[in-house]
Amino acid sequence: MQYVEKLFQSLQPLYSQSWFPYAAGVLGVLFAYSVFKSLRSLPKLVMYPIIAAAAAIVFMNWIYYRNEPTFLTPTVDVIAQFLPSQHG
């Protein structure tokens, strides 16, 4: 854990750079693609529930903390009425 903390401390100056969110997004897409490529080797009966569970976790996190992308806000507003949120 010390190594991870040192890594995040060394990356702290990069967080204020304007290009950092885009670089993190590109890395996230590449990581998601590699995970999906690895999951494709599994049977579809196993792969699709794993992808659906991951998507459900992300969506529930968006609803609870209300940190969804702005273009999804109307959809999340409709669904958030029926689910718990951090703000009550």
PDB file of N, CA and C in Angstrom:
ATOM      1  N   MET A   1       0.814  -1.205   0.000  1.00  0.00           N
ATOM      2  CA  MET A   1       0.000   0.000   0.000  1.00  0.00           C
ATOM      3  C   MET A   1       0.854   1.264   0.000  1.00  0.00           C
ATOM      4  N   GLN A   2       2.013   1.183   0.573  1.00  0.00           N
ATOM      5  CA  GLN A   2       2.891   2.349   0.589  1.00  0.00           C
ATOM      6  C   GLN A   2       3.257   2.779  -0.823  1.00  0.00           C
ATOM      7  N   TYR A   3       3.468   1.788  -1.694  1.00  0.00           N
ATOM      8  CA  TYR A   3       3.845   2.112  -3.066  1.00  0.00           C
ATOM      9  C   TYR A   3       2.725   2.832  -3.794  1.00  0.00           C
ATOM     10  N   VAL A   4       1.497   2.413  -3.544  1.00  0.00           N
ATOM     11  CA  VAL A   4       0.352   3.060  -4.190  1.00  0.00           C
ATOM     12  C   VAL A   4       0.208   4.491  -3.693  1.00  0.00           C
ATOM     13  N   GLU A   5       0.383   4.705  -2.385  1.00  0.00           N
ATOM     14  CA  GLU A   5       0.302   6.058  -1.835  1.00  0.00           C
ATOM     15  C   GLU A   5       1.397   6.941  -2.407  1.00  0.00           C
ATOM     16  N   LYS A   6       2.593   6.415  -2.534  1.00  0.00           N
ATOM     17  CA  LYS A   6       3.698   7.188  -3.118  1.00  0.00           C
ATOM     18  C   LYS A   6       3.415   7.513  -4.580  1.00  0.00           C
ATOM     19  N   LEU A   7       2.809   6.557  -5.303  1.00  0.00           N
ATOM     20  CA  LEU A   7       2.469   6.805  -6.696  1.00  0.00           C
ATOM     21  C   LEU A   7       1.464   7.945  -6.808  1.00  0.00           C
ATOM     22  N   PHE A   8       0.398   7.918  -5.995  1.00  0.00           N
ATOM     23  CA  PHE A   8      -0.601   8.988  -6.050  1.00  0.00           C
ATOM     24  C   PHE A   8      -0.014  10.330  -5.621  1.00  0.00           C
ATOM     25  N   GLN A   9       0.889  10.324  -4.664  1.00  0.00           N
ATOM     26  CA  GLN A   9       1.529  11.578  -4.256  1.00  0.00           C
ATOM     27  C   GLN A   9       2.412  12.126  -5.364  1.00  0.00           C
ATOM     28  N   SER A  10       3.088  11.246  -6.086  1.00  0.00           N
ATOM     29  CA  SER A  10       3.937  11.719  -7.173  1.00  0.00           C
ATOM     30  C   SER A  10       3.109  12.229  -8.363  1.00  0.00           C
ATOM     31  N   LEU A  11       1.880  11.730  -8.512  1.00  0.00           N
ATOM     32  CA  LEU A  11       1.011  12.174  -9.600  1.00  0.00           C
ATOM     33  C   LEU A  11       0.204  13.420  -9.248  1.00  0.00           C
ATOM     34  N   GLN A  12       0.249  13.862  -8.013  1.00  0.00           N
ATOM     35  CA  GLN A  12      -0.553  15.006  -7.543  1.00  0.00           C
ATOM     36  C   GLN A  12      -0.375  16.254  -8.408  1.00  0.00           C
ATOM     37  N   PRO A  13       0.837  16.625  -8.833  1.00  0.00           N
ATOM     38  CA  PRO A  13       0.947  17.832  -9.678  1.00  0.00           C
ATOM     39  C   PRO A  13       0.258  17.698 -11.033  1.00  0.00           C
ATOM     40  N   LEU A  14       0.056  16.478 -11.505  1.00  0.00           N
ATOM     41  CA  LEU A  14      -0.575  16.293 -12.812  1.00  0.00           C
ATOM     42  C   LEU A  14      -2.073  16.540 -12.775  1.00  0.00           C
ATOM     43  N   TYR A  15      -2.708  16.400 -11.621  1.00  0.00           N
ATOM     44  CA  TYR A  15      -4.163  16.536 -11.531  1.00  0.00           C
ATOM     45  C   TYR A  15      -4.643  17.901 -11.984  1.00  0.00           C
ATOM     46  N   SER A  16      -3.831  18.926 -11.842  1.00  0.00           N
ATOM     47  CA  SER A  16      -4.259  20.276 -12.211  1.00  0.00           C
ATOM     48  C   SER A  16      -4.003  20.581 -13.687  1.00  0.00           C
ATOM     49  N   GLN A  17      -3.362  19.683 -14.396  1.00  0.00           N
ATOM     50  CA  GLN A  17      -3.097  19.894 -15.824  1.00  0.00           C
ATOM     51  C   GLN A  17      -4.394  19.737 -16.618  1.00  0.00           C
ATOM     52  N   SER A  18      -4.532  20.532 -17.672  1.00  0.00           N
ATOM     53  CA  SER A  18      -5.773  20.501 -18.454  1.00  0.00           C
ATOM     54  C   SER A  18      -5.928  19.208 -19.251  1.00  0.00           C
ATOM     55  N   TRP A  19      -4.854  18.556 -19.605  1.00  0.00           N
ATOM     56  CA  TRP A  19      -4.912  17.352 -20.422  1.00  0.00           C
ATOM     57  C   TRP A  19      -5.096  16.089 -19.589  1.00  0.00           C
ATOM     58  N   PHE A  20      -4.968  16.169 -18.285  1.00  0.00           N
ATOM     59  CA  PHE A  20      -4.989  14.969 -17.439  1.00  0.00           C
ATOM     60  C   PHE A  20      -6.307  14.194 -17.515  1.00  0.00           C
ATOM     61  N   PRO A  21      -7.481  14.842 -17.454  1.00  0.00           N
ATOM     62  CA  PRO A  21      -8.730  14.060 -17.562  1.00  0.00           C
ATOM     63  C   PRO A  21      -8.839  13.299 -18.879  1.00  0.00           C
ATOM     64  N   TYR A  22      -8.345  13.894 -19.958  1.00  0.00           N
ATOM     65  CA  TYR A  22      -8.402  13.212 -21.253  1.00  0.00           C
ATOM     66  C   TYR A  22      -7.465  12.009 -21.278  1.00  0.00           C
ATOM     67  N   ALA A  23      -6.280  12.176 -20.719  1.00  0.00           N
ATOM     68  CA  ALA A  23      -5.338  11.059 -20.654  1.00  0.00           C
ATOM     69  C   ALA A  23      -5.893   9.934 -19.784  1.00  0.00           C
ATOM     70  N   ALA A  24      -6.506  10.289 -18.666  1.00  0.00           N
ATOM     71  CA  ALA A  24      -7.114   9.281 -17.796  1.00  0.00           C
ATOM     72  C   ALA A  24      -8.275   8.590 -18.510  1.00  0.00           C
ATOM     73  N   GLY A  25      -9.039   9.328 -19.288  1.00  0.00           N
ATOM     74  CA  GLY A  25     -10.139   8.739 -20.056  1.00  0.00           C
ATOM     75  C   GLY A  25      -9.647   7.764 -21.108  1.00  0.00           C
ATOM     76  N   VAL A  26      -8.587   8.142 -21.814  1.00  0.00           N
ATOM     77  CA  VAL A  26      -8.022   7.250 -22.828  1.00  0.00           C
ATOM     78  C   VAL A  26      -7.492   5.976 -22.173  1.00  0.00           C
ATOM     79  N   LEU A  27      -6.803   6.116 -21.055  1.00  0.00           N
ATOM     80  CA  LEU A  27      -6.315   4.942 -20.335  1.00  0.00           C
ATOM     81  C   LEU A  27      -7.473   4.071 -19.852  1.00  0.00           C
ATOM     82  N   GLY A  28      -8.551   4.696 -19.405  1.00  0.00           N
ATOM     83  CA  GLY A  28      -9.719   3.945 -18.964  1.00  0.00           C
ATOM     84  C   GLY A  28     -10.357   3.162 -20.096  1.00  0.00           C
ATOM     85  N   VAL A  29     -10.460   3.782 -21.275  1.00  0.00           N
ATOM     86  CA  VAL A  29     -11.028   3.100 -22.433  1.00  0.00           C
ATOM     87  C   VAL A  29     -10.141   1.928 -22.852  1.00  0.00           C
ATOM     88  N   LEU A  30      -8.827   2.141 -22.857  1.00  0.00           N
ATOM     89  CA  LEU A  30      -7.907   1.057 -23.197  1.00  0.00           C
ATOM     90  C   LEU A  30      -8.006  -0.090 -22.192  1.00  0.00           C
ATOM     91  N   PHE A  31      -8.129   0.255 -20.920  1.00  0.00           N
ATOM     92  CA  PHE A  31      -8.264  -0.776 -19.894  1.00  0.00           C
ATOM     93  C   PHE A  31      -9.575  -1.537 -20.068  1.00  0.00           C
ATOM     94  N   ALA A  32     -10.656  -0.822 -20.326  1.00  0.00           N
ATOM     95  CA  ALA A  32     -11.954  -1.473 -20.520  1.00  0.00           C
ATOM     96  C   ALA A  32     -11.918  -2.385 -21.743  1.00  0.00           C
ATOM     97  N   TYR A  33     -11.264  -1.950 -22.803  1.00  0.00           N
ATOM     98  CA  TYR A  33     -11.148  -2.778 -24.004  1.00  0.00           C
ATOM     99  C   TYR A  33     -10.360  -4.048 -23.714  1.00  0.00           C
ATOM    100  N   SER A  34      -9.268  -3.925 -22.971  1.00  0.00           N
ATOM    101  CA  SER A  34      -8.469  -5.116 -22.668  1.00  0.00           C
ATOM    102  C   SER A  34      -9.237  -6.076 -21.758  1.00  0.00           C
ATOM    103  N   VAL A  35     -10.019  -5.540 -20.822  1.00  0.00           N
ATOM    104  CA  VAL A  35     -10.830  -6.407 -19.964  1.00  0.00           C
ATOM    105  C   VAL A  35     -11.906  -7.097 -20.792  1.00  0.00           C
ATOM    106  N   PHE A  36     -12.560  -6.350 -21.685  1.00  0.00           N
ATOM    107  CA  PHE A  36     -13.584  -6.943 -22.535  1.00  0.00           C
ATOM    108  C   PHE A  36     -12.992  -8.021 -23.437  1.00  0.00           C
ATOM    109  N   LYS A  37     -11.794  -7.764 -23.957  1.00  0.00           N
ATOM    110  CA  LYS A  37     -11.132  -8.747 -24.806  1.00  0.00           C
ATOM    111  C   LYS A  37     -10.815 -10.019 -24.010  1.00  0.00           C
ATOM    112  N   SER A  38     -10.427  -9.850 -22.757  1.00  0.00           N
ATOM    113  CA  SER A  38     -10.160 -11.007 -21.903  1.00  0.00           C
ATOM    114  C   SER A  38     -11.456 -11.753 -21.584  1.00  0.00           C
ATOM    115  N   LEU A  39     -12.533 -11.009 -21.357  1.00  0.00           N
ATOM    116  CA  LEU A  39     -13.812 -11.642 -21.047  1.00  0.00           C
ATOM    117  C   LEU A  39     -14.399 -12.377 -22.243  1.00  0.00           C
ATOM    118  N   ARG A  40     -14.029 -11.964 -23.457  1.00  0.00           N
ATOM    119  CA  ARG A  40     -14.560 -12.638 -24.645  1.00  0.00           C
ATOM    120  C   ARG A  40     -14.142 -14.093 -24.721  1.00  0.00           C
ATOM    121  N   SER A  41     -13.040 -14.442 -24.053  1.00  0.00           N
ATOM    122  CA  SER A  41     -12.606 -15.834 -24.079  1.00  0.00           C
ATOM    123  C   SER A  41     -13.490 -16.707 -23.186  1.00  0.00           C
ATOM    124  N   LEU A  42     -14.282 -16.081 -22.315  1.00  0.00           N
ATOM    125  CA  LEU A  42     -15.199 -16.825 -21.454  1.00  0.00           C
ATOM    126  C   LEU A  42     -16.484 -17.146 -22.219  1.00  0.00           C
ATOM    127  N   PRO A  43     -17.235 -18.127 -21.756  1.00  0.00           N
ATOM    128  CA  PRO A  43     -18.544 -18.374 -22.383  1.00  0.00           C
ATOM    129  C   PRO A  43     -19.467 -17.165 -22.211  1.00  0.00           C
ATOM    130  N   LYS A  44     -20.361 -16.966 -23.167  1.00  0.00           N
ATOM    131  CA  LYS A  44     -21.261 -15.800 -23.122  1.00  0.00           C
ATOM    132  C   LYS A  44     -22.145 -15.809 -21.890  1.00  0.00           C
ATOM    133  N   LEU A  45     -22.462 -16.982 -21.390  1.00  0.00           N
ATOM    134  CA  LEU A  45     -23.298 -17.089 -20.199  1.00  0.00           C
ATOM    135  C   LEU A  45     -22.588 -16.520 -18.972  1.00  0.00           C
ATOM    136  N   VAL A  46     -21.277 -16.457 -19.007  1.00  0.00           N
ATOM    137  CA  VAL A  46     -20.489 -15.891 -17.910  1.00  0.00           C
ATOM    138  C   VAL A  46     -20.135 -14.434 -18.212  1.00  0.00           C
ATOM    139  N   MET A  47     -19.806 -14.134 -19.473  1.00  0.00           N
ATOM    140  CA  MET A  47     -19.329 -12.806 -19.847  1.00  0.00           C
ATOM    141  C   MET A  47     -20.398 -11.732 -19.662  1.00  0.00           C
ATOM    142  N   TYR A  48     -21.609 -11.974 -20.156  1.00  0.00           N
ATOM    143  CA  TYR A  48     -22.643 -10.938 -20.107  1.00  0.00           C
ATOM    144  C   TYR A  48     -23.088 -10.591 -18.686  1.00  0.00           C
ATOM    145  N   PRO A  49     -23.255 -11.546 -17.774  1.00  0.00           N
ATOM    146  CA  PRO A  49     -23.579 -11.147 -16.395  1.00  0.00           C
ATOM    147  C   PRO A  49     -22.469 -10.338 -15.722  1.00  0.00           C
ATOM    148  N   ILE A  50     -21.221 -10.629 -16.037  1.00  0.00           N
ATOM    149  CA  ILE A  50     -20.117  -9.847 -15.466  1.00  0.00           C
ATOM    150  C   ILE A  50     -20.174  -8.413 -15.983  1.00  0.00           C
ATOM    151  N   ILE A  51     -20.394  -8.237 -17.284  1.00  0.00           N
ATOM    152  CA  ILE A  51     -20.491  -6.892 -17.862  1.00  0.00           C
ATOM    153  C   ILE A  51     -21.712  -6.166 -17.313  1.00  0.00           C
ATOM    154  N   ALA A  52     -22.832  -6.863 -17.198  1.00  0.00           N
ATOM    155  CA  ALA A  52     -24.050  -6.237 -16.674  1.00  0.00           C
ATOM    156  C   ALA A  52     -23.880  -5.831 -15.212  1.00  0.00           C
ATOM    157  N   ALA A  53     -23.217  -6.665 -14.421  1.00  0.00           N
ATOM    158  CA  ALA A  53     -22.990  -6.319 -13.011  1.00  0.00           C
ATOM    159  C   ALA A  53     -22.084  -5.105 -12.893  1.00  0.00           C
ATOM    160  N   ALA A  54     -21.041  -5.037 -13.700  1.00  0.00           N
ATOM    161  CA  ALA A  54     -20.145  -3.876 -13.664  1.00  0.00           C
ATOM    162  C   ALA A  54     -20.883  -2.607 -14.073  1.00  0.00           C
ATOM    163  N   ALA A  55     -21.706  -2.681 -15.112  1.00  0.00           N
ATOM    164  CA  ALA A  55     -22.474  -1.515 -15.560  1.00  0.00           C
ATOM    165  C   ALA A  55     -23.485  -1.093 -14.495  1.00  0.00           C
ATOM    166  N   ALA A  56     -24.114  -2.065 -13.838  1.00  0.00           N
ATOM    167  CA  ALA A  56     -25.083  -1.747 -12.782  1.00  0.00           C
ATOM    168  C   ALA A  56     -24.403  -1.068 -11.598  1.00  0.00           C
ATOM    169  N   ILE A  57     -23.211  -1.519 -11.245  1.00  0.00           N
ATOM    170  CA  ILE A  57     -22.477  -0.903 -10.135  1.00  0.00           C
ATOM    171  C   ILE A  57     -22.128   0.541 -10.470  1.00  0.00           C
ATOM    172  N   VAL A  58     -21.652   0.787 -11.681  1.00  0.00           N
ATOM    173  CA  VAL A  58     -21.314   2.158 -12.086  1.00  0.00           C
ATOM    174  C   VAL A  58     -22.565   3.030 -12.087  1.00  0.00           C
ATOM    175  N   PHE A  59     -23.669   2.529 -12.635  1.00  0.00           N
ATOM    176  CA  PHE A  59     -24.893   3.312 -12.715  1.00  0.00           C
ATOM    177  C   PHE A  59     -25.451   3.610 -11.325  1.00  0.00           C
ATOM    178  N   MET A  60     -25.416   2.629 -10.425  1.00  0.00           N
ATOM    179  CA  MET A  60     -25.895   2.851  -9.052  1.00  0.00           C
ATOM    180  C   MET A  60     -25.015   3.872  -8.334  1.00  0.00           C
ATOM    181  N   ASN A  61     -23.709   3.843  -8.617  1.00  0.00           N
ATOM    182  CA  ASN A  61     -22.813   4.831  -8.034  1.00  0.00           C
ATOM    183  C   ASN A  61     -23.174   6.227  -8.527  1.00  0.00           C
ATOM    184  N   TRP A  62     -23.480   6.348  -9.818  1.00  0.00           N
ATOM    185  CA  TRP A  62     -23.900   7.638 -10.369  1.00  0.00           C
ATOM    186  C   TRP A  62     -25.163   8.127  -9.686  1.00  0.00           C
ATOM    187  N   ILE A  63     -26.099   7.242  -9.447  1.00  0.00           N
ATOM    188  CA  ILE A  63     -27.363   7.636  -8.831  1.00  0.00           C
ATOM    189  C   ILE A  63     -27.151   8.029  -7.375  1.00  0.00           C
ATOM    190  N   TYR A  64     -26.364   7.264  -6.653  1.00  0.00           N
ATOM    191  CA  TYR A  64     -26.178   7.543  -5.227  1.00  0.00           C
ATOM    192  C   TYR A  64     -25.426   8.859  -5.014  1.00  0.00           C
ATOM    193  N   TYR A  65     -24.329   9.054  -5.730  1.00  0.00           N
ATOM    194  CA  TYR A  65     -23.506  10.250  -5.534  1.00  0.00           C
ATOM    195  C   TYR A  65     -23.851  11.388  -6.487  1.00  0.00           C
ATOM    196  N   ARG A  66     -24.721  11.135  -7.462  1.00  0.00           N
ATOM    197  CA  ARG A  66     -25.139  12.122  -8.464  1.00  0.00           C
ATOM    198  C   ARG A  66     -23.928  12.741  -9.175  1.00  0.00           C
ATOM    199  N   ASN A  67     -23.030  11.887  -9.634  1.00  0.00           N
ATOM    200  CA  ASN A  67     -21.872  12.358 -10.382  1.00  0.00           C
ATOM    201  C   ASN A  67     -21.874  11.781 -11.797  1.00  0.00           C
ATOM    202  N   GLU A  68     -23.084  11.640 -12.375  1.00  0.00           N
ATOM    203  CA  GLU A  68     -23.214  11.098 -13.710  1.00  0.00           C
ATOM    204  C   GLU A  68     -22.765  12.122 -14.747  1.00  0.00           C
ATOM    205  N   PRO A  69     -22.442  11.670 -15.954  1.00  0.00           N
ATOM    206  CA  PRO A  69     -22.140  12.626 -17.028  1.00  0.00           C
ATOM    207  C   PRO A  69     -23.358  13.502 -17.306  1.00  0.00           C
ATOM    208  N   THR A  70     -23.125  14.727 -17.715  1.00  0.00           N
ATOM    209  CA  THR A  70     -24.218  15.689 -17.868  1.00  0.00           C
ATOM    210  C   THR A  70     -25.253  15.249 -18.898  1.00  0.00           C
ATOM    211  N   PHE A  71     -24.859  14.530 -19.934  1.00  0.00           N
ATOM    212  CA  PHE A  71     -25.835  14.122 -20.939  1.00  0.00           C
ATOM    213  C   PHE A  71     -26.754  13.015 -20.425  1.00  0.00           C
ATOM    214  N   LEU A  72     -26.392  12.355 -19.330  1.00  0.00           N
ATOM    215  CA  LEU A  72     -27.251  11.322 -18.747  1.00  0.00           C
ATOM    216  C   LEU A  72     -28.111  11.838 -17.593  1.00  0.00           C
ATOM    217  N   THR A  73     -27.973  13.099 -17.238  1.00  0.00           N
ATOM    218  CA  THR A  73     -28.701  13.646 -16.103  1.00  0.00           C
ATOM    219  C   THR A  73     -30.222  13.495 -16.238  1.00  0.00           C
ATOM    220  N   PRO A  74     -30.838  13.752 -17.384  1.00  0.00           N
ATOM    221  CA  PRO A  74     -32.297  13.556 -17.458  1.00  0.00           C
ATOM    222  C   PRO A  74     -32.720  12.115 -17.165  1.00  0.00           C
ATOM    223  N   THR A  75     -31.967  11.148 -17.660  1.00  0.00           N
ATOM    224  CA  THR A  75     -32.290   9.742 -17.414  1.00  0.00           C
ATOM    225  C   THR A  75     -32.107   9.396 -15.948  1.00  0.00           C
ATOM    226  N   VAL A  76     -31.012   9.859 -15.360  1.00  0.00           N
ATOM    227  CA  VAL A  76     -30.735   9.563 -13.955  1.00  0.00           C
ATOM    228  C   VAL A  76     -31.751  10.258 -13.055  1.00  0.00           C
ATOM    229  N   ASP A  77     -32.211  11.451 -13.439  1.00  0.00           N
ATOM    230  CA  ASP A  77     -33.237  12.147 -12.649  1.00  0.00           C
ATOM    231  C   ASP A  77     -34.506  11.312 -12.525  1.00  0.00           C
ATOM    232  N   VAL A  78     -34.895  10.662 -13.610  1.00  0.00           N
ATOM    233  CA  VAL A  78     -36.111   9.848 -13.590  1.00  0.00           C
ATOM    234  C   VAL A  78     -35.928   8.628 -12.692  1.00  0.00           C
ATOM    235  N   ILE A  79     -34.783   7.968 -12.809  1.00  0.00           N
ATOM    236  CA  ILE A  79     -34.543   6.739 -12.056  1.00  0.00           C
ATOM    237  C   ILE A  79     -34.224   7.037 -10.594  1.00  0.00           C
ATOM    238  N   ALA A  80     -33.580   8.164 -10.315  1.00  0.00           N
ATOM    239  CA  ALA A  80     -33.148   8.484  -8.950  1.00  0.00           C
ATOM    240  C   ALA A  80     -34.309   8.685  -7.987  1.00  0.00           C
ATOM    241  N   GLN A  81     -35.500   8.931  -8.489  1.00  0.00           N
ATOM    242  CA  GLN A  81     -36.653   9.105  -7.624  1.00  0.00           C
ATOM    243  C   GLN A  81     -36.959   7.818  -6.842  1.00  0.00           C
ATOM    244  N   PHE A  82     -36.611   6.680  -7.424  1.00  0.00           N
ATOM    245  CA  PHE A  82     -36.973   5.398  -6.828  1.00  0.00           C
ATOM    246  C   PHE A  82     -35.842   4.726  -6.068  1.00  0.00           C
ATOM    247  N   LEU A  83     -34.647   5.313  -6.107  1.00  0.00           N
ATOM    248  CA  LEU A  83     -33.488   4.702  -5.475  1.00  0.00           C
ATOM    249  C   LEU A  83     -32.883   5.646  -4.443  1.00  0.00           C
ATOM    250  N   PRO A  84     -32.164   5.107  -3.460  1.00  0.00           N
ATOM    251  CA  PRO A  84     -31.584   5.972  -2.428  1.00  0.00           C
ATOM    252  C   PRO A  84     -30.453   6.813  -2.997  1.00  0.00           C
ATOM    253  N   SER A  85     -30.243   7.984  -2.381  1.00  0.00           N
ATOM    254  CA  SER A  85     -29.135   8.836  -2.782  1.00  0.00           C
ATOM    255  C   SER A  85     -28.473   9.410  -1.544  1.00  0.00           C
ATOM    256  N   GLN A  86     -27.297   9.946  -1.723  1.00  0.00           N
ATOM    257  CA  GLN A  86     -26.527  10.504  -0.619  1.00  0.00           C
ATOM    258  C   GLN A  86     -27.203  11.750  -0.050  1.00  0.00           C
ATOM    259  N   HIS A  87     -27.881  12.486  -0.882  1.00  0.00           N
ATOM    260  CA  HIS A  87     -28.490  13.749  -0.465  1.00  0.00           C
ATOM    261  C   HIS A  87     -29.906  13.606   0.069  1.00  0.00           C
ATOM    262  N   GLY A  88     -30.358  12.401   0.216  1.00  0.00           N
ATOM    263  CA  GLY A  88     -31.676  12.211   0.817  1.00  0.00           C
ATOM    264  C   GLY A  88     -32.640  11.789  -0.161  1.00  0.00           C
TER     265      GLY A  88
END
